[in-house]
Amino acid sequence: MARGWESKSVEDQVADQEAASSNAINHRVASAAHAERQRQRQALELQRERILDERTSSPHRRAALEAALADIEARLNQIP
């Protein structure tokens, strides 16, 4: 026996609703990942600014600051 038009419409509605739900979940996950990357980038940029603002006459301290700055810049470049 052939299926009626109404049952097909209901199936289409259920499928559309499931697809929309799946898209919403994927969007939330993507938004959360984007927010985490933004938070990491902002934290690293603040650390970078703090290091750039520090002044020192000690060559050992200056070398440590330069190494920390290089590390932070490398980590910033890794964030997409």
Foldseek 3Di string as FASTA:
>chain_A
DDDDPVVVVVVVVVVVVVVVVVVVVVVVVVVVVVVVLVVLLVVLVVVLVVLVPDDDPDPVVVVVSVVSNVVSVVVNVPRD
